[in-house]
Amino acid sequence: NSCSASGLSILGTSVTIRDLNVAIRRSLSNAFKTLDGFLLFAAKTKGKILLRDPMK
């Protein structure tokens, strides 16, 4: 474990691998939340456009 920790000691903080994993997972889930919202919005608008198209 001292081997993996030595690379992080450069930062001068007591950051552990677990802390990094938690932070990465947190930022990823936030990114996926916004991506989900964007995809839902895009699907809705695209669906409306596709539904509106034949009416022209």
PDB file of N, CA and C in Angstrom:
ATOM      1  N   ASN A   1       0.834  -1.209   0.000  1.00  0.00           N
ATOM      2  CA  ASN A   1       0.000   0.000   0.000  1.00  0.00           C
ATOM      3  C   ASN A   1       0.865   1.254   0.000  1.00  0.00           C
ATOM      4  N   SER A   2       2.052   1.166   0.624  1.00  0.00           N
ATOM      5  CA  SER A   2       2.945   2.326   0.686  1.00  0.00           C
ATOM      6  C   SER A   2       3.390   2.737  -0.709  1.00  0.00           C
ATOM      7  N   CYS A   3       3.392   1.781  -1.636  1.00  0.00           N
ATOM      8  CA  CYS A   3       3.815   2.067  -3.009  1.00  0.00           C
ATOM      9  C   CYS A   3       2.804   2.982  -3.689  1.00  0.00           C
ATOM     10  N   SER A   4       1.505   2.669  -3.546  1.00  0.00           N
ATOM     11  CA  SER A   4       0.468   3.473  -4.192  1.00  0.00           C
ATOM     12  C   SER A   4       0.322   4.828  -3.506  1.00  0.00           C
ATOM     13  N   ALA A   5       0.604   4.879  -2.202  1.00  0.00           N
ATOM     14  CA  ALA A   5       0.447   6.122  -1.453  1.00  0.00           C
ATOM     15  C   ALA A   5       1.583   7.090  -1.757  1.00  0.00           C
ATOM     16  N   SER A   6       2.761   6.560  -2.114  1.00  0.00           N
ATOM     17  CA  SER A   6       3.919   7.430  -2.345  1.00  0.00           C
ATOM     18  C   SER A   6       3.681   8.348  -3.540  1.00  0.00           C
ATOM     19  N   GLY A   7       2.919   7.877  -4.527  1.00  0.00           N
ATOM     20  CA  GLY A   7       2.639   8.704  -5.694  1.00  0.00           C
ATOM     21  C   GLY A   7       1.758   9.885  -5.345  1.00  0.00           C
ATOM     22  N   LEU A   8       0.914   9.715  -4.324  1.00  0.00           N
ATOM     23  CA  LEU A   8      -0.004  10.772  -3.933  1.00  0.00           C
ATOM     24  C   LEU A   8       0.625  11.741  -2.947  1.00  0.00           C
ATOM     25  N   SER A   9       1.730  11.329  -2.307  1.00  0.00           N
ATOM     26  CA  SER A   9       2.366  12.191  -1.304  1.00  0.00           C
ATOM     27  C   SER A   9       2.931  13.454  -1.947  1.00  0.00           C
ATOM     28  N   ILE A  10       3.065  13.439  -3.288  1.00  0.00           N
ATOM     29  CA  ILE A  10       3.557  14.623  -4.003  1.00  0.00           C
ATOM     30  C   ILE A  10       2.593  15.794  -3.793  1.00  0.00           C
ATOM     31  N   LEU A  11       1.317  15.479  -3.696  1.00  0.00           N
ATOM     32  CA  LEU A  11       0.307  16.516  -3.522  1.00  0.00           C
ATOM     33  C   LEU A  11       0.431  17.196  -2.170  1.00  0.00           C
ATOM     34  N   GLY A  12       1.092  16.546  -1.228  1.00  0.00           N
ATOM     35  CA  GLY A  12       1.243  17.122   0.096  1.00  0.00           C
ATOM     36  C   GLY A  12      -0.011  17.000   0.933  1.00  0.00           C
ATOM     37  N   THR A  13      -0.959  16.199   0.501  1.00  0.00           N
ATOM     38  CA  THR A  13      -2.193  16.002   1.260  1.00  0.00           C
ATOM     39  C   THR A  13      -2.348  14.529   1.587  1.00  0.00           C
ATOM     40  N   SER A  14      -3.211  14.227   2.527  1.00  0.00           N
ATOM     41  CA  SER A  14      -3.426  12.837   2.937  1.00  0.00           C
ATOM     42  C   SER A  14      -4.581  12.230   2.143  1.00  0.00           C
ATOM     43  N   VAL A  15      -4.507  12.346   0.836  1.00  0.00           N
ATOM     44  CA  VAL A  15      -5.552  11.788  -0.026  1.00  0.00           C
ATOM     45  C   VAL A  15      -5.283  10.304  -0.232  1.00  0.00           C
ATOM     46  N   THR A  16      -6.293   9.490  -0.007  1.00  0.00           N
ATOM     47  CA  THR A  16      -6.136   8.054  -0.201  1.00  0.00           C
ATOM     48  C   THR A  16      -6.769   7.637  -1.520  1.00  0.00           C
ATOM     49  N   ILE A  17      -6.444   6.428  -1.941  1.00  0.00           N
ATOM     50  CA  ILE A  17      -7.032   5.901  -3.175  1.00  0.00           C
ATOM     51  C   ILE A  17      -8.553   5.855  -3.053  1.00  0.00           C
ATOM     52  N   ARG A  18      -9.021   5.499  -1.844  1.00  0.00           N
ATOM     53  CA  ARG A  18     -10.462   5.400  -1.630  1.00  0.00           C
ATOM     54  C   ARG A  18     -11.127   6.768  -1.807  1.00  0.00           C
ATOM     55  N   ASP A  19     -10.476   7.815  -1.279  1.00  0.00           N
ATOM     56  CA  ASP A  19     -11.024   9.164  -1.438  1.00  0.00           C
ATOM     57  C   ASP A  19     -11.117   9.528  -2.914  1.00  0.00           C
ATOM     58  N   LEU A  20     -10.083   9.179  -3.659  1.00  0.00           N
ATOM     59  CA  LEU A  20     -10.083   9.472  -5.093  1.00  0.00           C
ATOM     60  C   LEU A  20     -11.212   8.725  -5.789  1.00  0.00           C
ATOM     61  N   ASN A  21     -11.379   7.450  -5.455  1.00  0.00           N
ATOM     62  CA  ASN A  21     -12.442   6.654  -6.062  1.00  0.00           C
ATOM     63  C   ASN A  21     -13.809   7.260  -5.778  1.00  0.00           C
ATOM     64  N   VAL A  22     -14.013   7.694  -4.535  1.00  0.00           N
ATOM     65  CA  VAL A  22     -15.295   8.298  -4.158  1.00  0.00           C
ATOM     66  C   VAL A  22     -15.519   9.589  -4.947  1.00  0.00           C
ATOM     67  N   ALA A  23     -14.470  10.403  -5.046  1.00  0.00           N
ATOM     68  CA  ALA A  23     -14.591  11.668  -5.769  1.00  0.00           C
ATOM     69  C   ALA A  23     -14.875  11.428  -7.241  1.00  0.00           C
ATOM     70  N   ILE A  24     -14.180  10.447  -7.818  1.00  0.00           N
ATOM     71  CA  ILE A  24     -14.392  10.137  -9.239  1.00  0.00           C
ATOM     72  C   ILE A  24     -15.811   9.631  -9.459  1.00  0.00           C
ATOM     73  N   ARG A  25     -16.244   8.721  -8.573  1.00  0.00           N
ATOM     74  CA  ARG A  25     -17.593   8.164  -8.713  1.00  0.00           C
ATOM     75  C   ARG A  25     -18.638   9.262  -8.582  1.00  0.00           C
ATOM     76  N   ARG A  26     -18.400  10.206  -7.654  1.00  0.00           N
ATOM     77  CA  ARG A  26     -19.352  11.295  -7.424  1.00  0.00           C
ATOM     78  C   ARG A  26     -19.460  12.171  -8.667  1.00  0.00           C
ATOM     79  N   SER A  27     -18.306  12.553  -9.220  1.00  0.00           N
ATOM     80  CA  SER A  27     -18.324  13.429 -10.391  1.00  0.00           C
ATOM     81  C   SER A  27     -18.903  12.700 -11.596  1.00  0.00           C
ATOM     82  N   LEU A  28     -18.655  11.394 -11.694  1.00  0.00           N
ATOM     83  CA  LEU A  28     -19.206  10.617 -12.804  1.00  0.00           C
ATOM     84  C   LEU A  28     -20.721  10.551 -12.705  1.00  0.00           C
ATOM     85  N   SER A  29     -21.239  10.282 -11.501  1.00  0.00           N
ATOM     86  CA  SER A  29     -22.691  10.179 -11.340  1.00  0.00           C
ATOM     87  C   SER A  29     -23.348  11.524 -11.626  1.00  0.00           C
ATOM     88  N   ASN A  30     -22.692  12.623 -11.247  1.00  0.00           N
ATOM     89  CA  ASN A  30     -23.221  13.949 -11.557  1.00  0.00           C
ATOM     90  C   ASN A  30     -23.234  14.166 -13.063  1.00  0.00           C
ATOM     91  N   ALA A  31     -22.160  13.749 -13.734  1.00  0.00           N
ATOM     92  CA  ALA A  31     -22.090  13.898 -15.188  1.00  0.00           C
ATOM     93  C   ALA A  31     -23.184  13.082 -15.860  1.00  0.00           C
ATOM     94  N   PHE A  32     -23.422  11.864 -15.351  1.00  0.00           N
ATOM     95  CA  PHE A  32     -24.446  11.016 -15.939  1.00  0.00           C
ATOM     96  C   PHE A  32     -25.835  11.577 -15.680  1.00  0.00           C
ATOM     97  N   LYS A  33     -26.020  12.210 -14.525  1.00  0.00           N
ATOM     98  CA  LYS A  33     -27.322  12.818 -14.222  1.00  0.00           C
ATOM     99  C   LYS A  33     -27.630  13.911 -15.237  1.00  0.00           C
ATOM    100  N   THR A  34     -26.651  14.797 -15.479  1.00  0.00           N
ATOM    101  CA  THR A  34     -26.878  15.883 -16.425  1.00  0.00           C
ATOM    102  C   THR A  34     -27.014  15.329 -17.832  1.00  0.00           C
ATOM    103  N   LEU A  35     -26.238  14.279 -18.146  1.00  0.00           N
ATOM    104  CA  LEU A  35     -26.317  13.669 -19.470  1.00  0.00           C
ATOM    105  C   LEU A  35     -27.686  13.043 -19.674  1.00  0.00           C
ATOM    106  N   ASP A  36     -28.199  12.363 -18.636  1.00  0.00           N
ATOM    107  CA  ASP A  36     -29.531  11.770 -18.702  1.00  0.00           C
ATOM    108  C   ASP A  36     -30.579  12.839 -18.965  1.00  0.00           C
ATOM    109  N   GLY A  37     -30.474  13.947 -18.226  1.00  0.00           N
ATOM    110  CA  GLY A  37     -31.422  15.033 -18.416  1.00  0.00           C
ATOM    111  C   GLY A  37     -31.350  15.601 -19.821  1.00  0.00           C
ATOM    112  N   PHE A  38     -30.124  15.748 -20.323  1.00  0.00           N
ATOM    113  CA  PHE A  38     -29.946  16.280 -21.675  1.00  0.00           C
ATOM    114  C   PHE A  38     -30.521  15.328 -22.715  1.00  0.00           C
ATOM    115  N   LEU A  39     -30.243  14.037 -22.549  1.00  0.00           N
ATOM    116  CA  LEU A  39     -30.736  13.050 -23.514  1.00  0.00           C
ATOM    117  C   LEU A  39     -32.260  12.987 -23.489  1.00  0.00           C
ATOM    118  N   LEU A  40     -32.844  13.066 -22.286  1.00  0.00           N
ATOM    119  CA  LEU A  40     -34.304  13.077 -22.174  1.00  0.00           C
ATOM    120  C   LEU A  40     -34.876  14.286 -22.896  1.00  0.00           C
ATOM    121  N   PHE A  41     -34.253  15.456 -22.660  1.00  0.00           N
ATOM    122  CA  PHE A  41     -34.710  16.684 -23.297  1.00  0.00           C
ATOM    123  C   PHE A  41     -34.577  16.582 -24.809  1.00  0.00           C
ATOM    124  N   ALA A  42     -33.429  16.059 -25.264  1.00  0.00           N
ATOM    125  CA  ALA A  42     -33.196  15.921 -26.706  1.00  0.00           C
ATOM    126  C   ALA A  42     -34.208  14.966 -27.322  1.00  0.00           C
ATOM    127  N   ALA A  43     -34.487  13.864 -26.626  1.00  0.00           N
ATOM    128  CA  ALA A  43     -35.449  12.886 -27.138  1.00  0.00           C
ATOM    129  C   ALA A  43     -36.841  13.502 -27.217  1.00  0.00           C
ATOM    130  N   LYS A  44     -37.202  14.290 -26.215  1.00  0.00           N
ATOM    131  CA  LYS A  44     -38.521  14.926 -26.208  1.00  0.00           C
ATOM    132  C   LYS A  44     -38.644  15.910 -27.364  1.00  0.00           C
ATOM    133  N   THR A  45     -37.628  16.786 -27.525  1.00  0.00           N
ATOM    134  CA  THR A  45     -37.701  17.789 -28.589  1.00  0.00           C
ATOM    135  C   THR A  45     -37.674  17.117 -29.949  1.00  0.00           C
ATOM    136  N   LYS A  46     -36.840  16.087 -30.103  1.00  0.00           N
ATOM    137  CA  LYS A  46     -36.775  15.385 -31.382  1.00  0.00           C
ATOM    138  C   LYS A  46     -38.111  14.713 -31.666  1.00  0.00           C
ATOM    139  N   GLY A  47     -38.705  14.127 -30.614  1.00  0.00           N
ATOM    140  CA  GLY A  47     -40.001  13.483 -30.779  1.00  0.00           C
ATOM    141  C   GLY A  47     -41.069  14.477 -31.199  1.00  0.00           C
ATOM    142  N   LYS A  48     -41.046  15.668 -30.601  1.00  0.00           N
ATOM    143  CA  LYS A  48     -42.022  16.699 -30.956  1.00  0.00           C
ATOM    144  C   LYS A  48     -41.833  17.133 -32.401  1.00  0.00           C
ATOM    145  N   ILE A  49     -40.565  17.305 -32.805  1.00  0.00           N
ATOM    146  CA  ILE A  49     -40.285  17.724 -34.180  1.00  0.00           C
ATOM    147  C   ILE A  49     -40.759  16.649 -35.152  1.00  0.00           C
ATOM    148  N   LEU A  50     -40.479  15.379 -34.817  1.00  0.00           N
ATOM    149  CA  LEU A  50     -40.880  14.282 -35.697  1.00  0.00           C
ATOM    150  C   LEU A  50     -42.398  14.178 -35.768  1.00  0.00           C
ATOM    151  N   LEU A  51     -43.078  14.428 -34.643  1.00  0.00           N
ATOM    152  CA  LEU A  51     -44.532  14.368 -34.645  1.00  0.00           C
ATOM    153  C   LEU A  51     -45.118  15.543 -35.414  1.00  0.00           C
ATOM    154  N   ARG A  52     -44.436  16.688 -35.355  1.00  0.00           N
ATOM    155  CA  ARG A  52     -44.943  17.892 -35.992  1.00  0.00           C
ATOM    156  C   ARG A  52     -44.715  17.838 -37.502  1.00  0.00           C
ATOM    157  N   ASP A  53     -43.648  17.133 -37.924  1.00  0.00           N
ATOM    158  CA  ASP A  53     -43.269  17.135 -39.330  1.00  0.00           C
ATOM    159  C   ASP A  53     -44.385  16.695 -40.280  1.00  0.00           C
ATOM    160  N   PRO A  54     -45.049  15.556 -40.043  1.00  0.00           N
ATOM    161  CA  PRO A  54     -46.067  15.103 -40.994  1.00  0.00           C
ATOM    162  C   PRO A  54     -47.246  16.060 -41.106  1.00  0.00           C
ATOM    163  N   MET A  55     -47.439  16.933 -40.117  1.00  0.00           N
ATOM    164  CA  MET A  55     -48.575  17.841 -40.128  1.00  0.00           C
ATOM    165  C   MET A  55     -48.390  18.986 -41.114  1.00  0.00           C
ATOM    166  N   LYS A  56     -47.157  19.188 -41.587  1.00  0.00           N
ATOM    167  CA  LYS A  56     -46.907  20.327 -42.484  1.00  0.00           C
ATOM    168  C   LYS A  56     -47.709  20.197 -43.774  1.00  0.00           C
TER     169      LYS A  56
END
